[in-house]
Amino acid sequence: MFFVLLVLSNLMLAQKIVPAIVVVDGTLPESIGFTCVTRPGDTLSFPYFRSHFKIDDLIYEELQTLPDTATLYITMAYTEWYEGPPKKKTYEFKSIMWKEVLMSGNVLINITTFNNEKTVYYVDYSGGLWVKVYEYDKRFGNRKKAFQRIHAIYPKLYTNKKNKITYGR
């Protein structure tokens, strides 16, 4: 029995906790599955739980060997639960992010969807010294309303004056 507890405790300790906040349409999800592709054929998976990523030591070490400006192709699998008879639907959101942002320890990822099927979305993030630049797309609808929805999480960071978008810290 002692041996089993020892093995389980080692498995639990073999993970790094990286602080993060993920917001989907203004709500904090309980968990999201993250997959990132660092190089062709090299896929790393780790979960996000409310307030942090839980990354296995081997995956963490592999991420640490990459340069800070390494491009990560992120896929986030978000499961939404519906009331009534228990139903769930999983949505995938894809984005590109630098390794330094993901591993900064204070990353904020904001996902804003623009339709019920969650196929039109915008992924915004900040972490370390980096903030993703706002990229308007006609699929988002009215520019001003889209800007307000996307940046409701960062009200003091972004300003929109006469359709000019500026950034500040």
C-alpha atoms as a PDB file:
ATOM      1  CA  MET A   1       0.000   0.000   0.000  1.00  0.00           C
ATOM      2  CA  PHE A   2       2.828   2.379   0.883  1.00  0.00           C
ATOM      3  CA  PHE A   3       4.507   1.687  -2.475  1.00  0.00           C
ATOM      4  CA  VAL A   4       1.294   2.539  -4.373  1.00  0.00           C
ATOM      5  CA  LEU A   5       0.951   5.824  -2.469  1.00  0.00           C
ATOM      6  CA  LEU A   6       4.588   6.643  -3.172  1.00  0.00           C
ATOM      7  CA  VAL A   7       4.176   6.027  -6.914  1.00  0.00           C
ATOM      8  CA  LEU A   8       0.959   8.073  -7.058  1.00  0.00           C
ATOM      9  CA  SER A   9       2.529  10.968  -5.173  1.00  0.00           C
ATOM     10  CA  ASN A  10       5.502  10.972  -7.578  1.00  0.00           C
ATOM     11  CA  LEU A  11       3.125  11.057 -10.534  1.00  0.00           C
ATOM     12  CA  MET A  12       1.244  13.982  -9.004  1.00  0.00           C
ATOM     13  CA  LEU A  13       4.482  15.858  -8.316  1.00  0.00           C
ATOM     14  CA  ALA A  14       5.760  15.265 -11.858  1.00  0.00           C
ATOM     15  CA  GLN A  15       3.720  18.209 -13.106  1.00  0.00           C
ATOM     16  CA  LYS A  16       4.330  21.932 -13.304  1.00  0.00           C
ATOM     17  CA  ILE A  17       1.605  24.436 -12.519  1.00  0.00           C
ATOM     18  CA  VAL A  18       1.675  27.487 -14.821  1.00  0.00           C
ATOM     19  CA  PRO A  19      -0.733  30.264 -13.719  1.00  0.00           C
ATOM     20  CA  ALA A  20      -3.150  31.359 -16.446  1.00  0.00           C
ATOM     21  CA  ILE A  21      -6.679  32.584 -16.994  1.00  0.00           C
ATOM     22  CA  VAL A  22      -8.822  31.559 -19.948  1.00  0.00           C
ATOM     23  CA  VAL A  23     -12.095  33.386 -20.600  1.00  0.00           C
ATOM     24  CA  VAL A  24     -14.668  32.136 -23.121  1.00  0.00           C
ATOM     25  CA  ASP A  25     -17.392  34.673 -23.944  1.00  0.00           C
ATOM     26  CA  GLY A  26     -16.942  36.386 -20.592  1.00  0.00           C
ATOM     27  CA  THR A  27     -17.076  33.202 -18.498  1.00  0.00           C
ATOM     28  CA  LEU A  28     -14.375  31.194 -16.760  1.00  0.00           C
ATOM     29  CA  PRO A  29     -14.536  27.567 -17.908  1.00  0.00           C
ATOM     30  CA  GLU A  30     -13.696  24.786 -15.471  1.00  0.00           C
ATOM     31  CA  SER A  31     -11.293  23.111 -17.869  1.00  0.00           C
ATOM     32  CA  ILE A  32     -10.042  23.182 -21.451  1.00  0.00           C
ATOM     33  CA  GLY A  33      -7.842  20.698 -23.268  1.00  0.00           C
ATOM     34  CA  PHE A  34      -4.785  22.348 -24.856  1.00  0.00           C
ATOM     35  CA  THR A  35      -2.791  20.881 -27.699  1.00  0.00           C
ATOM     36  CA  CYS A  36       0.152  22.702 -29.194  1.00  0.00           C
ATOM     37  CA  VAL A  37       2.253  21.808 -32.205  1.00  0.00           C
ATOM     38  CA  THR A  38       5.817  23.031 -31.803  1.00  0.00           C
ATOM     39  CA  ARG A  39       7.298  21.455 -34.938  1.00  0.00           C
ATOM     40  CA  PRO A  40       5.728  19.382 -37.720  1.00  0.00           C
ATOM     41  CA  GLY A  41       4.856  16.037 -36.177  1.00  0.00           C
ATOM     42  CA  ASP A  42       5.574  17.205 -32.611  1.00  0.00           C
ATOM     43  CA  THR A  43       2.320  17.636 -30.662  1.00  0.00           C
ATOM     44  CA  LEU A  44       2.158  18.381 -26.938  1.00  0.00           C
ATOM     45  CA  SER A  45      -1.049  18.115 -24.895  1.00  0.00           C
ATOM     46  CA  PHE A  46      -1.867  19.457 -21.443  1.00  0.00           C
ATOM     47  CA  PRO A  47      -5.027  20.533 -19.598  1.00  0.00           C
ATOM     48  CA  TYR A  48      -6.104  23.916 -18.334  1.00  0.00           C
ATOM     49  CA  PHE A  49      -8.031  23.986 -15.073  1.00  0.00           C
ATOM     50  CA  ARG A  50      -9.567  27.156 -13.698  1.00  0.00           C
ATOM     51  CA  SER A  51      -6.545  29.416 -13.019  1.00  0.00           C
ATOM     52  CA  HIS A  52      -3.657  27.268 -14.304  1.00  0.00           C
ATOM     53  CA  PHE A  53      -2.148  24.885 -16.835  1.00  0.00           C
ATOM     54  CA  LYS A  54      -1.047  21.521 -15.470  1.00  0.00           C
ATOM     55  CA  ILE A  55       1.932  20.507 -17.612  1.00  0.00           C
ATOM     56  CA  ASP A  56       3.783  17.210 -17.200  1.00  0.00           C
ATOM     57  CA  ASP A  57       7.494  17.618 -16.470  1.00  0.00           C
ATOM     58  CA  LEU A  58       8.584  16.050 -19.774  1.00  0.00           C
ATOM     59  CA  ILE A  59       6.331  18.370 -21.793  1.00  0.00           C
ATOM     60  CA  TYR A  60       7.405  21.360 -19.678  1.00  0.00           C
ATOM     61  CA  GLU A  61      11.078  20.578 -20.285  1.00  0.00           C
ATOM     62  CA  GLU A  62      10.463  20.215 -24.010  1.00  0.00           C
ATOM     63  CA  LEU A  63       8.730  23.599 -24.071  1.00  0.00           C
ATOM     64  CA  GLN A  64      11.616  25.131 -22.111  1.00  0.00           C
ATOM     65  CA  THR A  65      14.130  23.974 -24.742  1.00  0.00           C
ATOM     66  CA  LEU A  66      12.340  26.019 -27.415  1.00  0.00           C
ATOM     67  CA  PRO A  67      13.410  29.644 -27.996  1.00  0.00           C
ATOM     68  CA  ASP A  68      11.087  32.264 -26.464  1.00  0.00           C
ATOM     69  CA  THR A  69       9.969  33.374 -29.932  1.00  0.00           C
ATOM     70  CA  ALA A  70       9.082  29.830 -31.048  1.00  0.00           C
ATOM     71  CA  THR A  71       5.675  29.743 -32.698  1.00  0.00           C
ATOM     72  CA  LEU A  72       3.142  27.399 -31.111  1.00  0.00           C
ATOM     73  CA  TYR A  73       0.033  26.344 -33.020  1.00  0.00           C
ATOM     74  CA  ILE A  74      -2.550  26.050 -30.249  1.00  0.00           C
ATOM     75  CA  THR A  75      -5.837  24.133 -30.361  1.00  0.00           C
ATOM     76  CA  MET A  76      -8.159  24.603 -27.393  1.00  0.00           C
ATOM     77  CA  ALA A  77     -10.960  22.067 -26.897  1.00  0.00           C
ATOM     78  CA  TYR A  78     -13.742  23.713 -24.886  1.00  0.00           C
ATOM     79  CA  THR A  79     -16.707  21.642 -23.690  1.00  0.00           C
ATOM     80  CA  GLU A  80     -19.937  23.461 -22.971  1.00  0.00           C
ATOM     81  CA  TRP A  81     -22.607  21.784 -20.838  1.00  0.00           C
ATOM     82  CA  TYR A  82     -26.305  22.454 -21.354  1.00  0.00           C
ATOM     83  CA  GLU A  83     -29.082  22.392 -18.765  1.00  0.00           C
ATOM     84  CA  GLY A  84     -31.983  19.977 -18.731  1.00  0.00           C
ATOM     85  CA  PRO A  85     -31.028  16.460 -19.729  1.00  0.00           C
ATOM     86  CA  PRO A  86     -27.231  16.518 -19.489  1.00  0.00           C
ATOM     87  CA  LYS A  87     -25.860  17.470 -22.887  1.00  0.00           C
ATOM     88  CA  LYS A  88     -22.469  18.657 -23.910  1.00  0.00           C
ATOM     89  CA  LYS A  89     -20.871  20.057 -27.030  1.00  0.00           C
ATOM     90  CA  THR A  90     -17.156  20.476 -27.625  1.00  0.00           C
ATOM     91  CA  TYR A  91     -15.793  23.374 -29.654  1.00  0.00           C
ATOM     92  CA  GLU A  92     -12.274  23.845 -30.969  1.00  0.00           C
ATOM     93  CA  PHE A  93     -10.539  27.202 -31.080  1.00  0.00           C
ATOM     94  CA  LYS A  94      -7.212  27.565 -32.908  1.00  0.00           C
ATOM     95  CA  SER A  95      -4.608  30.268 -32.558  1.00  0.00           C
ATOM     96  CA  ILE A  96      -0.919  30.966 -32.971  1.00  0.00           C
ATOM     97  CA  MET A  97       1.069  32.030 -29.918  1.00  0.00           C
ATOM     98  CA  TRP A  98       4.693  32.515 -28.948  1.00  0.00           C
ATOM     99  CA  LYS A  99       6.138  30.172 -26.374  1.00  0.00           C
ATOM    100  CA  GLU A 100       7.130  33.128 -24.162  1.00  0.00           C
ATOM    101  CA  VAL A 101       3.480  34.185 -23.878  1.00  0.00           C
ATOM    102  CA  LEU A 102       2.230  30.714 -22.949  1.00  0.00           C
ATOM    103  CA  MET A 103       4.968  30.111 -20.388  1.00  0.00           C
ATOM    104  CA  SER A 104       5.010  33.649 -18.917  1.00  0.00           C
ATOM    105  CA  GLY A 105       3.101  32.577 -15.811  1.00  0.00           C
ATOM    106  CA  ASN A 106       0.543  35.351 -16.138  1.00  0.00           C
ATOM    107  CA  VAL A 107      -1.133  34.631 -19.447  1.00  0.00           C
ATOM    108  CA  LEU A 108      -4.704  35.750 -20.096  1.00  0.00           C
ATOM    109  CA  ILE A 109      -6.473  34.152 -23.064  1.00  0.00           C
ATOM    110  CA  ASN A 110      -9.766  35.706 -24.122  1.00  0.00           C
ATOM    111  CA  ILE A 111     -11.947  33.833 -26.638  1.00  0.00           C
ATOM    112  CA  THR A 112     -14.881  35.748 -28.110  1.00  0.00           C
ATOM    113  CA  THR A 113     -17.360  33.924 -30.340  1.00  0.00           C
ATOM    114  CA  PHE A 114     -19.564  35.630 -32.906  1.00  0.00           C
ATOM    115  CA  ASN A 115     -22.107  32.914 -33.763  1.00  0.00           C
ATOM    116  CA  ASN A 116     -23.987  30.159 -31.932  1.00  0.00           C
ATOM    117  CA  GLU A 117     -21.969  27.385 -33.551  1.00  0.00           C
ATOM    118  CA  LYS A 118     -18.780  29.061 -32.281  1.00  0.00           C
ATOM    119  CA  THR A 119     -17.150  28.723 -35.706  1.00  0.00           C
ATOM    120  CA  VAL A 120     -16.493  32.469 -36.006  1.00  0.00           C
ATOM    121  CA  TYR A 121     -14.310  33.502 -33.078  1.00  0.00           C
ATOM    122  CA  TYR A 122     -11.413  35.691 -32.056  1.00  0.00           C
ATOM    123  CA  VAL A 123      -8.631  34.595 -29.716  1.00  0.00           C
ATOM    124  CA  ASP A 124      -6.925  37.417 -27.867  1.00  0.00           C
ATOM    125  CA  TYR A 125      -4.115  37.007 -25.352  1.00  0.00           C
ATOM    126  CA  SER A 126      -1.539  38.770 -23.268  1.00  0.00           C
ATOM    127  CA  GLY A 127       1.346  37.389 -21.299  1.00  0.00           C
ATOM    128  CA  GLY A 128       4.772  38.518 -20.221  1.00  0.00           C
ATOM    129  CA  LEU A 129       5.431  41.697 -22.195  1.00  0.00           C
ATOM    130  CA  TRP A 130       3.267  40.670 -25.154  1.00  0.00           C
ATOM    131  CA  VAL A 131      -0.256  41.582 -26.205  1.00  0.00           C
ATOM    132  CA  LYS A 132      -1.827  40.202 -29.367  1.00  0.00           C
ATOM    133  CA  VAL A 133      -2.659  42.953 -31.861  1.00  0.00           C
ATOM    134  CA  TYR A 134      -6.360  43.332 -32.685  1.00  0.00           C
ATOM    135  CA  GLU A 135      -7.165  41.953 -36.133  1.00  0.00           C
ATOM    136  CA  TYR A 136     -10.612  42.869 -37.425  1.00  0.00           C
ATOM    137  CA  ASP A 137     -12.374  40.443 -39.793  1.00  0.00           C
ATOM    138  CA  LYS A 138     -15.622  41.175 -41.674  1.00  0.00           C
ATOM    139  CA  ARG A 139     -17.068  37.948 -40.259  1.00  0.00           C
ATOM    140  CA  PHE A 140     -17.187  39.681 -36.827  1.00  0.00           C
ATOM    141  CA  GLY A 141     -19.881  42.111 -38.054  1.00  0.00           C
ATOM    142  CA  ASN A 142     -19.907  45.759 -37.035  1.00  0.00           C
ATOM    143  CA  ARG A 143     -16.336  46.895 -36.311  1.00  0.00           C
ATOM    144  CA  LYS A 144     -17.171  48.975 -33.234  1.00  0.00           C
ATOM    145  CA  LYS A 145     -19.416  46.323 -31.633  1.00  0.00           C
ATOM    146  CA  ALA A 146     -16.871  43.594 -32.360  1.00  0.00           C
ATOM    147  CA  PHE A 147     -14.139  45.696 -30.780  1.00  0.00           C
ATOM    148  CA  GLN A 148     -16.266  46.259 -27.664  1.00  0.00           C
ATOM    149  CA  ARG A 149     -17.060  42.539 -27.311  1.00  0.00           C
ATOM    150  CA  ILE A 150     -13.491  41.387 -27.855  1.00  0.00           C
ATOM    151  CA  HIS A 151     -11.879  43.888 -25.528  1.00  0.00           C
ATOM    152  CA  ALA A 152     -14.385  43.864 -22.675  1.00  0.00           C
ATOM    153  CA  ILE A 153     -11.735  41.912 -20.737  1.00  0.00           C
ATOM    154  CA  TYR A 154      -9.058  44.601 -21.284  1.00  0.00           C
ATOM    155  CA  PRO A 155     -10.942  47.885 -20.858  1.00  0.00           C
ATOM    156  CA  LYS A 156      -7.956  50.008 -19.851  1.00  0.00           C
ATOM    157  CA  LEU A 157      -5.446  48.386 -22.186  1.00  0.00           C
ATOM    158  CA  TYR A 158      -7.118  49.172 -25.489  1.00  0.00           C
ATOM    159  CA  THR A 159      -8.705  52.344 -26.792  1.00  0.00           C
ATOM    160  CA  ASN A 160     -10.622  52.931 -29.991  1.00  0.00           C
ATOM    161  CA  LYS A 161     -10.604  56.591 -31.023  1.00  0.00           C
ATOM    162  CA  LYS A 162     -12.005  57.466 -34.463  1.00  0.00           C
ATOM    163  CA  ASN A 163     -11.431  53.888 -35.681  1.00  0.00           C
ATOM    164  CA  LYS A 164      -7.778  54.049 -34.670  1.00  0.00           C
ATOM    165  CA  ILE A 165      -6.786  51.338 -32.279  1.00  0.00           C
ATOM    166  CA  THR A 166      -3.983  52.060 -29.835  1.00  0.00           C
ATOM    167  CA  TYR A 167      -2.411  49.937 -27.159  1.00  0.00           C
ATOM    168  CA  GLY A 168      -0.913  50.867 -23.825  1.00  0.00           C
ATOM    169  CA  ARG A 169       0.287  49.336 -20.591  1.00  0.00           C
END
